[in-house]
All heavy atoms as atom14 arrays in JSON, in Angstrom:
{
  "sequence": "LMVSYLGSRRKQPSWMPDDEWAGVVKVNTEVLPTYAQAKQEA",
  "atom14_mask": [
    [1, 1, 1, 1, 1, 1, 1, 1, 0, 0, 0, 0, 0, 0],
    [1, 1, 1, 1, 1, 1, 1, 1, 0, 0, 0, 0, 0, 0],
    [1, 1, 1, 1, 1, 1, 1, 0, 0, 0, 0, 0, 0, 0],
    [1, 1, 1, 1, 1, 1, 0, 0, 0, 0, 0, 0, 0, 0],
    [1, 1, 1, 1, 1, 1, 1, 1, 1, 1, 1, 1, 0, 0],
    [1, 1, 1, 1, 1, 1, 1, 1, 0, 0, 0, 0, 0, 0],
    [1, 1, 1, 1, 0, 0, 0, 0, 0, 0, 0, 0, 0, 0],
    [1, 1, 1, 1, 1, 1, 0, 0, 0, 0, 0, 0, 0, 0],
    [1, 1, 1, 1, 1, 1, 1, 1, 1, 1, 1, 0, 0, 0],
    [1, 1, 1, 1, 1, 1, 1, 1, 1, 1, 1, 0, 0, 0],
    [1, 1, 1, 1, 1, 1, 1, 1, 1, 0, 0, 0, 0, 0],
    [1, 1, 1, 1, 1, 1, 1, 1, 1, 0, 0, 0, 0, 0],
    [1, 1, 1, 1, 1, 1, 1, 0, 0, 0, 0, 0, 0, 0],
    [1, 1, 1, 1, 1, 1, 0, 0, 0, 0, 0, 0, 0, 0],
    [1, 1, 1, 1, 1, 1, 1, 1, 1, 1, 1, 1, 1, 1],
    [1, 1, 1, 1, 1, 1, 1, 1, 0, 0, 0, 0, 0, 0],
    [1, 1, 1, 1, 1, 1, 1, 0, 0, 0, 0, 0, 0, 0],
    [1, 1, 1, 1, 1, 1, 1, 1, 0, 0, 0, 0, 0, 0],
    [1, 1, 1, 1, 1, 1, 1, 1, 0, 0, 0, 0, 0, 0],
    [1, 1, 1, 1, 1, 1, 1, 1, 1, 0, 0, 0, 0, 0],
    [1, 1, 1, 1, 1, 1, 1, 1, 1, 1, 1, 1, 1, 1],
    [1, 1, 1, 1, 1, 0, 0, 0, 0, 0, 0, 0, 0, 0],
    [1, 1, 1, 1, 0, 0, 0, 0, 0, 0, 0, 0, 0, 0],
    [1, 1, 1, 1, 1, 1, 1, 0, 0, 0, 0, 0, 0, 0],
    [1, 1, 1, 1, 1, 1, 1, 0, 0, 0, 0, 0, 0, 0],
    [1, 1, 1, 1, 1, 1, 1, 1, 1, 0, 0, 0, 0, 0],
    [1, 1, 1, 1, 1, 1, 1, 0, 0, 0, 0, 0, 0, 0],
    [1, 1, 1, 1, 1, 1, 1, 1, 0, 0, 0, 0, 0, 0],
    [1, 1, 1, 1, 1, 1, 1, 0, 0, 0, 0, 0, 0, 0],
    [1, 1, 1, 1, 1, 1, 1, 1, 1, 0, 0, 0, 0, 0],
    [1, 1, 1, 1, 1, 1, 1, 0, 0, 0, 0, 0, 0, 0],
    [1, 1, 1, 1, 1, 1, 1, 1, 0, 0, 0, 0, 0, 0],
    [1, 1, 1, 1, 1, 1, 1, 0, 0, 0, 0, 0, 0, 0],
    [1, 1, 1, 1, 1, 1, 1, 0, 0, 0, 0, 0, 0, 0],
    [1, 1, 1, 1, 1, 1, 1, 1, 1, 1, 1, 1, 0, 0],
    [1, 1, 1, 1, 1, 0, 0, 0, 0, 0, 0, 0, 0, 0],
    [1, 1, 1, 1, 1, 1, 1, 1, 1, 0, 0, 0, 0, 0],
    [1, 1, 1, 1, 1, 0, 0, 0, 0, 0, 0, 0, 0, 0],
    [1, 1, 1, 1, 1, 1, 1, 1, 1, 0, 0, 0, 0, 0],
    [1, 1, 1, 1, 1, 1, 1, 1, 1, 0, 0, 0, 0, 0],
    [1, 1, 1, 1, 1, 1, 1, 1, 1, 0, 0, 0, 0, 0],
    [1, 1, 1, 1, 1, 0, 0, 0, 0, 0, 0, 0, 0, 0]
  ],
  "atom14_positions": [
    [[5.49, -27.27, 12.55], [4.63, -26.22, 13.05], [4.35, -25.25, 11.91], [5.28, -24.72, 11.31], [5.27, -25.47, 14.22], [4.36, -24.4, 14.86], [4.53, -24.38, 16.36], [4.61, -23.03, 14.28], [0.0, 0.0, 0.0], [0.0, 0.0, 0.0], [0.0, 0.0, 0.0], [0.0, 0.0, 0.0], [0.0, 0.0, 0.0], [0.0, 0.0, 0.0]],
    [[3.09, -25.06, 11.62], [2.68, -24.09, 10.62], [1.98, -22.94, 11.33], [1.14, -23.17, 12.21], [1.72, -24.71, 9.6], [1.25, -23.69, 8.56], [0.39, -24.4, 7.17], [-1.06, -25.07, 7.95], [0.0, 0.0, 0.0], [0.0, 0.0, 0.0], [0.0, 0.0, 0.0], [0.0, 0.0, 0.0], [0.0, 0.0, 0.0], [0.0, 0.0, 0.0]],
    [[2.3, -21.73, 10.95], [1.58, -20.57, 11.46], [0.47, -20.27, 10.46], [0.73, -20.0, 9.29], [2.51, -19.35, 11.63], [1.71, -18.14, 12.1], [3.61, -19.67, 12.64], [0.0, 0.0, 0.0], [0.0, 0.0, 0.0], [0.0, 0.0, 0.0], [0.0, 0.0, 0.0], [0.0, 0.0, 0.0], [0.0, 0.0, 0.0], [0.0, 0.0, 0.0]],
    [[-0.75, -20.37, 10.92], [-1.91, -20.17, 10.07], [-2.58, -18.85, 10.4], [-1.91, -17.83, 10.53], [-2.89, -21.34, 10.2], [-3.95, -21.21, 9.28], [0.0, 0.0, 0.0], [0.0, 0.0, 0.0], [0.0, 0.0, 0.0], [0.0, 0.0, 0.0], [0.0, 0.0, 0.0], [0.0, 0.0, 0.0], [0.0, 0.0, 0.0], [0.0, 0.0, 0.0]],
    [[-3.88, -18.89, 10.59], [-4.68, -17.68, 10.78], [-5.92, -18.05, 11.58], [-6.58, -19.03, 11.28], [-4.97, -17.09, 9.4], [-6.29, -16.4, 9.19], [-6.59, -15.23, 9.88], [-7.22, -16.88, 8.29], [-7.79, -14.58, 9.67], [-8.42, -16.23, 8.07], [-8.71, -15.08, 8.76], [-9.89, -14.43, 8.56], [0.0, 0.0, 0.0], [0.0, 0.0, 0.0]],
    [[-6.21, -17.28, 12.6], [-7.3, -17.55, 13.53], [-8.64, -17.8, 12.84], [-9.41, -18.66, 13.25], [-7.44, -16.37, 14.51], [-8.51, -16.46, 15.59], [-8.23, -17.62, 16.54], [-8.56, -15.15, 16.37], [0.0, 0.0, 0.0], [0.0, 0.0, 0.0], [0.0, 0.0, 0.0], [0.0, 0.0, 0.0], [0.0, 0.0, 0.0], [0.0, 0.0, 0.0]],
    [[-8.92, -17.09, 11.78], [-10.22, -17.2, 11.11], [-10.27, -18.26, 10.03], [-11.26, -18.34, 9.3], [0.0, 0.0, 0.0], [0.0, 0.0, 0.0], [0.0, 0.0, 0.0], [0.0, 0.0, 0.0], [0.0, 0.0, 0.0], [0.0, 0.0, 0.0], [0.0, 0.0, 0.0], [0.0, 0.0, 0.0], [0.0, 0.0, 0.0], [0.0, 0.0, 0.0]],
    [[-9.27, -19.09, 9.93], [-9.24, -20.11, 8.88], [-10.15, -21.27, 9.26], [-9.74, -22.22, 9.92], [-7.8, -20.6, 8.68], [-7.77, -21.64, 7.73], [0.0, 0.0, 0.0], [0.0, 0.0, 0.0], [0.0, 0.0, 0.0], [0.0, 0.0, 0.0], [0.0, 0.0, 0.0], [0.0, 0.0, 0.0], [0.0, 0.0, 0.0], [0.0, 0.0, 0.0]],
    [[-11.41, -21.15, 8.86], [-12.42, -22.17, 9.15], [-13.51, -22.11, 8.1], [-13.85, -21.04, 7.62], [-13.11, -21.91, 10.49], [-12.23, -21.91, 11.65], [-13.03, -21.93, 12.94], [-12.13, -22.16, 14.03], [-11.68, -23.36, 14.4], [-12.09, -24.42, 13.8], [-10.83, -23.48, 15.38], [0.0, 0.0, 0.0], [0.0, 0.0, 0.0], [0.0, 0.0, 0.0]],
    [[-14.07, -23.25, 7.79], [-15.21, -23.3, 6.86], [-16.53, -23.21, 7.6], [-17.52, -22.76, 7.05], [-15.17, -24.58, 6.04], [-14.02, -24.62, 5.08], [-14.15, -25.76, 4.09], [-12.92, -25.94, 3.37], [-12.58, -25.26, 2.29], [-13.37, -24.34, 1.82], [-11.43, -25.49, 1.69], [0.0, 0.0, 0.0], [0.0, 0.0, 0.0], [0.0, 0.0, 0.0]],
    [[-16.55, -23.7, 8.84], [-17.79, -23.74, 9.62], [-17.58, -23.1, 10.98], [-16.48, -23.13, 11.53], [-18.24, -25.19, 9.82], [-18.58, -25.92, 8.56], [-18.98, -27.34, 8.88], [-19.16, -28.14, 7.61], [-19.35, -29.56, 7.89], [0.0, 0.0, 0.0], [0.0, 0.0, 0.0], [0.0, 0.0, 0.0], [0.0, 0.0, 0.0], [0.0, 0.0, 0.0]],
    [[-18.65, -22.59, 11.53], [-18.62, -21.98, 12.86], [-18.38, -23.06, 13.91], [-19.14, -24.01, 14.01], [-19.94, -21.27, 13.14], [-20.0, -20.6, 14.49], [-21.31, -19.84, 14.71], [-22.18, -19.82, 13.84], [-21.44, -19.23, 15.86], [0.0, 0.0, 0.0], [0.0, 0.0, 0.0], [0.0, 0.0, 0.0], [0.0, 0.0, 0.0], [0.0, 0.0, 0.0]],
    [[-17.33, -22.92, 14.72], [-17.13, -23.9, 15.8], [-18.17, -23.7, 16.9], [-18.66, -22.6, 17.11], [-15.72, -23.61, 16.3], [-15.41, -22.23, 15.86], [-16.26, -21.94, 14.66], [0.0, 0.0, 0.0], [0.0, 0.0, 0.0], [0.0, 0.0, 0.0], [0.0, 0.0, 0.0], [0.0, 0.0, 0.0], [0.0, 0.0, 0.0], [0.0, 0.0, 0.0]],
    [[-18.47, -24.76, 17.6], [-19.52, -24.73, 18.62], [-19.22, -23.73, 19.73], [-20.14, -23.22, 20.36], [-19.72, -26.12, 19.21], [-18.51, -26.56, 19.83], [0.0, 0.0, 0.0], [0.0, 0.0, 0.0], [0.0, 0.0, 0.0], [0.0, 0.0, 0.0], [0.0, 0.0, 0.0], [0.0, 0.0, 0.0], [0.0, 0.0, 0.0], [0.0, 0.0, 0.0]],
    [[-17.98, -23.42, 19.97], [-17.6, -22.53, 21.07], [-17.55, -21.06, 20.69], [-17.31, -20.21, 21.52], [-16.25, -22.95, 21.66], [-15.14, -22.93, 20.64], [-14.4, -21.83, 20.26], [-14.65, -24.02, 19.89], [-13.49, -22.19, 19.3], [-13.62, -23.52, 19.06], [-14.96, -25.38, 19.83], [-12.9, -24.35, 18.18], [-14.25, -26.18, 18.95], [-13.24, -25.67, 18.15]],
    [[-17.79, -20.74, 19.42], [-17.66, -19.35, 18.97], [-19.04, -18.7, 18.85], [-19.9, -19.19, 18.12], [-16.94, -19.27, 17.63], [-16.61, -17.86, 17.19], [-15.67, -17.82, 15.64], [-14.11, -18.49, 16.19], [0.0, 0.0, 0.0], [0.0, 0.0, 0.0], [0.0, 0.0, 0.0], [0.0, 0.0, 0.0], [0.0, 0.0, 0.0], [0.0, 0.0, 0.0]],
    [[-19.25, -17.58, 19.54], [-20.55, -16.88, 19.45], [-20.84, -16.38, 18.03], [-19.92, -16.14, 17.23], [-20.39, -15.69, 20.4], [-19.19, -15.99, 21.24], [-18.32, -16.92, 20.46], [0.0, 0.0, 0.0], [0.0, 0.0, 0.0], [0.0, 0.0, 0.0], [0.0, 0.0, 0.0], [0.0, 0.0, 0.0], [0.0, 0.0, 0.0], [0.0, 0.0, 0.0]],
    [[-22.12, -16.22, 17.73], [-22.55, -15.82, 16.4], [-21.92, -14.5, 15.95], [-21.55, -14.36, 14.78], [-24.08, -15.69, 16.34], [-24.78, -17.04, 16.44], [-24.13, -18.09, 16.24], [-26.0, -17.04, 16.72], [0.0, 0.0, 0.0], [0.0, 0.0, 0.0], [0.0, 0.0, 0.0], [0.0, 0.0, 0.0], [0.0, 0.0, 0.0], [0.0, 0.0, 0.0]],
    [[-21.81, -13.52, 16.84], [-21.25, -12.23, 16.43], [-19.78, -12.35, 16.07], [-19.31, -11.71, 15.12], [-21.47, -11.16, 17.5], [-20.79, -11.49, 18.84], [-20.67, -12.69, 19.18], [-20.38, -10.54, 19.53], [0.0, 0.0, 0.0], [0.0, 0.0, 0.0], [0.0, 0.0, 0.0], [0.0, 0.0, 0.0], [0.0, 0.0, 0.0], [0.0, 0.0, 0.0]],
    [[-19.04, -13.2, 16.76], [-17.63, -13.43, 16.42], [-17.53, -14.15, 15.08], [-16.68, -13.82, 14.25], [-16.92, -14.22, 17.52], [-16.72, -13.46, 18.8], [-15.68, -12.35, 18.7], [-14.75, -12.45, 17.88], [-15.8, -11.37, 19.46], [0.0, 0.0, 0.0], [0.0, 0.0, 0.0], [0.0, 0.0, 0.0], [0.0, 0.0, 0.0], [0.0, 0.0, 0.0]],
    [[-18.4, -15.14, 14.89], [-18.39, -15.88, 13.62], [-18.74, -14.95, 12.45], [-18.15, -15.06, 11.38], [-19.33, -17.07, 13.67], [-19.36, -17.82, 12.37], [-20.4, -17.95, 11.51], [-18.27, -18.54, 11.77], [-20.04, -18.69, 10.43], [-18.74, -19.07, 10.56], [-16.95, -18.78, 12.15], [-17.93, -19.83, 9.71], [-16.14, -19.53, 11.3], [-16.63, -20.05, 10.1]],
    [[-19.67, -14.04, 12.67], [-20.03, -13.08, 11.61], [-18.82, -12.25, 11.2], [-18.63, -11.95, 10.01], [-21.17, -12.18, 12.07], [0.0, 0.0, 0.0], [0.0, 0.0, 0.0], [0.0, 0.0, 0.0], [0.0, 0.0, 0.0], [0.0, 0.0, 0.0], [0.0, 0.0, 0.0], [0.0, 0.0, 0.0], [0.0, 0.0, 0.0], [0.0, 0.0, 0.0]],
    [[-17.99, -11.89, 12.15], [-16.76, -11.16, 11.84], [-15.79, -12.0, 11.02], [-15.15, -11.49, 10.09], [0.0, 0.0, 0.0], [0.0, 0.0, 0.0], [0.0, 0.0, 0.0], [0.0, 0.0, 0.0], [0.0, 0.0, 0.0], [0.0, 0.0, 0.0], [0.0, 0.0, 0.0], [0.0, 0.0, 0.0], [0.0, 0.0, 0.0], [0.0, 0.0, 0.0]],
    [[-15.67, -13.28, 11.35], [-14.81, -14.18, 10.59], [-15.32, -14.28, 9.15], [-14.54, -14.16, 8.19], [-14.76, -15.59, 11.24], [-14.07, -16.59, 10.32], [-14.07, -15.53, 12.58], [0.0, 0.0, 0.0], [0.0, 0.0, 0.0], [0.0, 0.0, 0.0], [0.0, 0.0, 0.0], [0.0, 0.0, 0.0], [0.0, 0.0, 0.0], [0.0, 0.0, 0.0]],
    [[-16.61, -14.48, 9.0], [-17.2, -14.61, 7.67], [-16.96, -13.35, 6.85], [-16.59, -13.42, 5.67], [-18.71, -14.95, 7.76], [-19.38, -14.85, 6.4], [-18.89, -16.34, 8.37], [0.0, 0.0, 0.0], [0.0, 0.0, 0.0], [0.0, 0.0, 0.0], [0.0, 0.0, 0.0], [0.0, 0.0, 0.0], [0.0, 0.0, 0.0], [0.0, 0.0, 0.0]],
    [[-17.12, -12.2, 7.45], [-16.91, -10.94, 6.73], [-15.47, -10.82, 6.24], [-15.22, -10.49, 5.07], [-17.27, -9.74, 7.61], [-17.1, -8.43, 6.89], [-17.57, -7.26, 7.7], [-17.38, -6.01, 6.86], [-18.08, -4.88, 7.36], [0.0, 0.0, 0.0], [0.0, 0.0, 0.0], [0.0, 0.0, 0.0], [0.0, 0.0, 0.0], [0.0, 0.0, 0.0]],
    [[-14.51, -11.1, 7.12], [-13.11, -11.03, 6.71], [-12.82, -12.06, 5.62], [-12.17, -11.75, 4.61], [-12.16, -11.23, 7.92], [-10.72, -11.41, 7.48], [-12.28, -10.05, 8.88], [0.0, 0.0, 0.0], [0.0, 0.0, 0.0], [0.0, 0.0, 0.0], [0.0, 0.0, 0.0], [0.0, 0.0, 0.0], [0.0, 0.0, 0.0], [0.0, 0.0, 0.0]],
    [[-13.32, -13.27, 5.8], [-13.03, -14.35, 4.85], [-13.7, -14.18, 3.5], [-13.21, -14.72, 2.51], [-13.41, -15.7, 5.45], [-12.48, -16.14, 6.55], [-11.48, -15.49, 6.84], [-12.8, -17.23, 7.2], [0.0, 0.0, 0.0], [0.0, 0.0, 0.0], [0.0, 0.0, 0.0], [0.0, 0.0, 0.0], [0.0, 0.0, 0.0], [0.0, 0.0, 0.0]],
    [[-14.8, -13.46, 3.44], [-15.51, -13.31, 2.17], [-15.35, -11.94, 1.53], [-15.43, -11.81, 0.31], [-17.01, -13.63, 2.32], [-17.58, -12.73, 3.27], [-17.23, -15.07, 2.76], [0.0, 0.0, 0.0], [0.0, 0.0, 0.0], [0.0, 0.0, 0.0], [0.0, 0.0, 0.0], [0.0, 0.0, 0.0], [0.0, 0.0, 0.0], [0.0, 0.0, 0.0]],
    [[-15.12, -10.9, 2.37], [-15.07, -9.54, 1.83], [-13.69, -8.89, 1.9], [-13.32, -8.14, 1.01], [-16.08, -8.66, 2.57], [-17.53, -9.08, 2.39], [-18.48, -8.25, 3.23], [-18.16, -7.09, 3.56], [-19.56, -8.77, 3.57], [0.0, 0.0, 0.0], [0.0, 0.0, 0.0], [0.0, 0.0, 0.0], [0.0, 0.0, 0.0], [0.0, 0.0, 0.0]],
    [[-12.95, -9.15, 2.97], [-11.69, -8.44, 3.18], [-10.51, -9.2, 2.59], [-9.71, -8.65, 1.84], [-11.47, -8.16, 4.69], [-10.16, -7.42, 4.92], [-12.64, -7.38, 5.27], [0.0, 0.0, 0.0], [0.0, 0.0, 0.0], [0.0, 0.0, 0.0], [0.0, 0.0, 0.0], [0.0, 0.0, 0.0], [0.0, 0.0, 0.0], [0.0, 0.0, 0.0]],
    [[-10.37, -10.46, 2.95], [-9.23, -11.28, 2.51], [-9.67, -12.65, 1.99], [-9.23, -13.69, 2.5], [-8.24, -11.47, 3.67], [-7.51, -10.24, 4.17], [-6.77, -10.55, 5.47], [-6.54, -9.75, 3.11], [0.0, 0.0, 0.0], [0.0, 0.0, 0.0], [0.0, 0.0, 0.0], [0.0, 0.0, 0.0], [0.0, 0.0, 0.0], [0.0, 0.0, 0.0]],
    [[-10.52, -12.69, 0.98], [-11.05, -13.99, 0.55], [-10.0, -14.95, -0.01], [-10.05, -16.14, 0.26], [-12.09, -13.63, -0.51], [-11.71, -12.27, -0.99], [-11.08, -11.59, 0.19], [0.0, 0.0, 0.0], [0.0, 0.0, 0.0], [0.0, 0.0, 0.0], [0.0, 0.0, 0.0], [0.0, 0.0, 0.0], [0.0, 0.0, 0.0], [0.0, 0.0, 0.0]],
    [[-9.04, -14.45, -0.77], [-8.01, -15.32, -1.32], [-7.11, -15.87, -0.21], [-6.76, -17.05, -0.2], [-7.17, -14.59, -2.38], [-8.06, -14.09, -3.38], [-6.15, -15.5, -3.02], [0.0, 0.0, 0.0], [0.0, 0.0, 0.0], [0.0, 0.0, 0.0], [0.0, 0.0, 0.0], [0.0, 0.0, 0.0], [0.0, 0.0, 0.0], [0.0, 0.0, 0.0]],
    [[-6.74, -15.01, 0.71], [-5.92, -15.42, 1.85], [-6.66, -16.48, 2.67], [-6.08, -17.52, 3.04], [-5.58, -14.21, 2.7], [-4.76, -14.49, 3.92], [-3.42, -14.87, 3.8], [-5.29, -14.37, 5.2], [-2.64, -15.13, 4.93], [-4.52, -14.62, 6.32], [-3.21, -15.0, 6.18], [-2.44, -15.26, 7.29], [0.0, 0.0, 0.0], [0.0, 0.0, 0.0]],
    [[-7.92, -16.25, 2.96], [-8.71, -17.21, 3.74], [-8.78, -18.55, 3.02], [-8.62, -19.61, 3.65], [-10.11, -16.65, 4.01], [0.0, 0.0, 0.0], [0.0, 0.0, 0.0], [0.0, 0.0, 0.0], [0.0, 0.0, 0.0], [0.0, 0.0, 0.0], [0.0, 0.0, 0.0], [0.0, 0.0, 0.0], [0.0, 0.0, 0.0], [0.0, 0.0, 0.0]],
    [[-9.02, -18.51, 1.73], [-9.09, -19.75, 0.95], [-7.75, -20.5, 0.99], [-7.72, -21.71, 1.19], [-9.45, -19.43, -0.51], [-9.4, -20.64, -1.42], [-9.41, -20.26, -2.9], [-9.74, -19.14, -3.26], [-9.06, -21.19, -3.74], [0.0, 0.0, 0.0], [0.0, 0.0, 0.0], [0.0, 0.0, 0.0], [0.0, 0.0, 0.0], [0.0, 0.0, 0.0]],
    [[-6.66, -19.76, 0.8], [-5.33, -20.39, 0.81], [-5.02, -21.02, 2.16], [-4.5, -22.14, 2.24], [-4.26, -19.36, 0.44], [0.0, 0.0, 0.0], [0.0, 0.0, 0.0], [0.0, 0.0, 0.0], [0.0, 0.0, 0.0], [0.0, 0.0, 0.0], [0.0, 0.0, 0.0], [0.0, 0.0, 0.0], [0.0, 0.0, 0.0], [0.0, 0.0, 0.0]],
    [[-5.31, -20.31, 3.22], [-5.04, -20.82, 4.56], [-5.92, -22.03, 4.89], [-5.45, -23.01, 5.47], [-5.23, -19.72, 5.62], [-4.1, -18.71, 5.64], [-2.77, -19.39, 5.9], [-1.72, -18.43, 6.37], [-0.46, -19.13, 6.64], [0.0, 0.0, 0.0], [0.0, 0.0, 0.0], [0.0, 0.0, 0.0], [0.0, 0.0, 0.0], [0.0, 0.0, 0.0]],
    [[-7.2, -21.98, 4.52], [-8.08, -23.12, 4.76], [-7.58, -24.35, 4.03], [-7.54, -25.45, 4.6], [-9.51, -22.79, 4.31], [-10.23, -21.84, 5.22], [-11.55, -21.36, 4.64], [-11.97, -21.76, 3.57], [-12.2, -20.47, 5.38], [0.0, 0.0, 0.0], [0.0, 0.0, 0.0], [0.0, 0.0, 0.0], [0.0, 0.0, 0.0], [0.0, 0.0, 0.0]],
    [[-7.18, -24.18, 2.79], [-6.67, -25.3, 2.0], [-5.42, -25.89, 2.66], [-5.29, -27.11, 2.8], [-6.37, -24.84, 0.58], [-5.79, -25.9, -0.31], [-6.74, -27.02, -0.68], [-7.97, -26.8, -0.66], [-6.26, -28.12, -0.98], [0.0, 0.0, 0.0], [0.0, 0.0, 0.0], [0.0, 0.0, 0.0], [0.0, 0.0, 0.0], [0.0, 0.0, 0.0]],
    [[-4.49, -25.04, 3.06], [-3.25, -25.52, 3.69], [-3.54, -26.18, 5.04], [-2.96, -27.23, 5.36], [-2.27, -24.36, 3.85], [0.0, 0.0, 0.0], [0.0, 0.0, 0.0], [0.0, 0.0, 0.0], [0.0, 0.0, 0.0], [0.0, 0.0, 0.0], [0.0, 0.0, 0.0], [0.0, 0.0, 0.0], [0.0, 0.0, 0.0], [0.0, 0.0, 0.0]]
  ]
}
């Protein structure tokens, strides 16, 4: 069992609304880009 991060995704899942996905993208690119990259890779 690995504990990851809710926003660890490269693409918007079909079930996630655009406004929620925009928040994920902002965190992953502006707030915690290295963390998002590390989690996605793992």
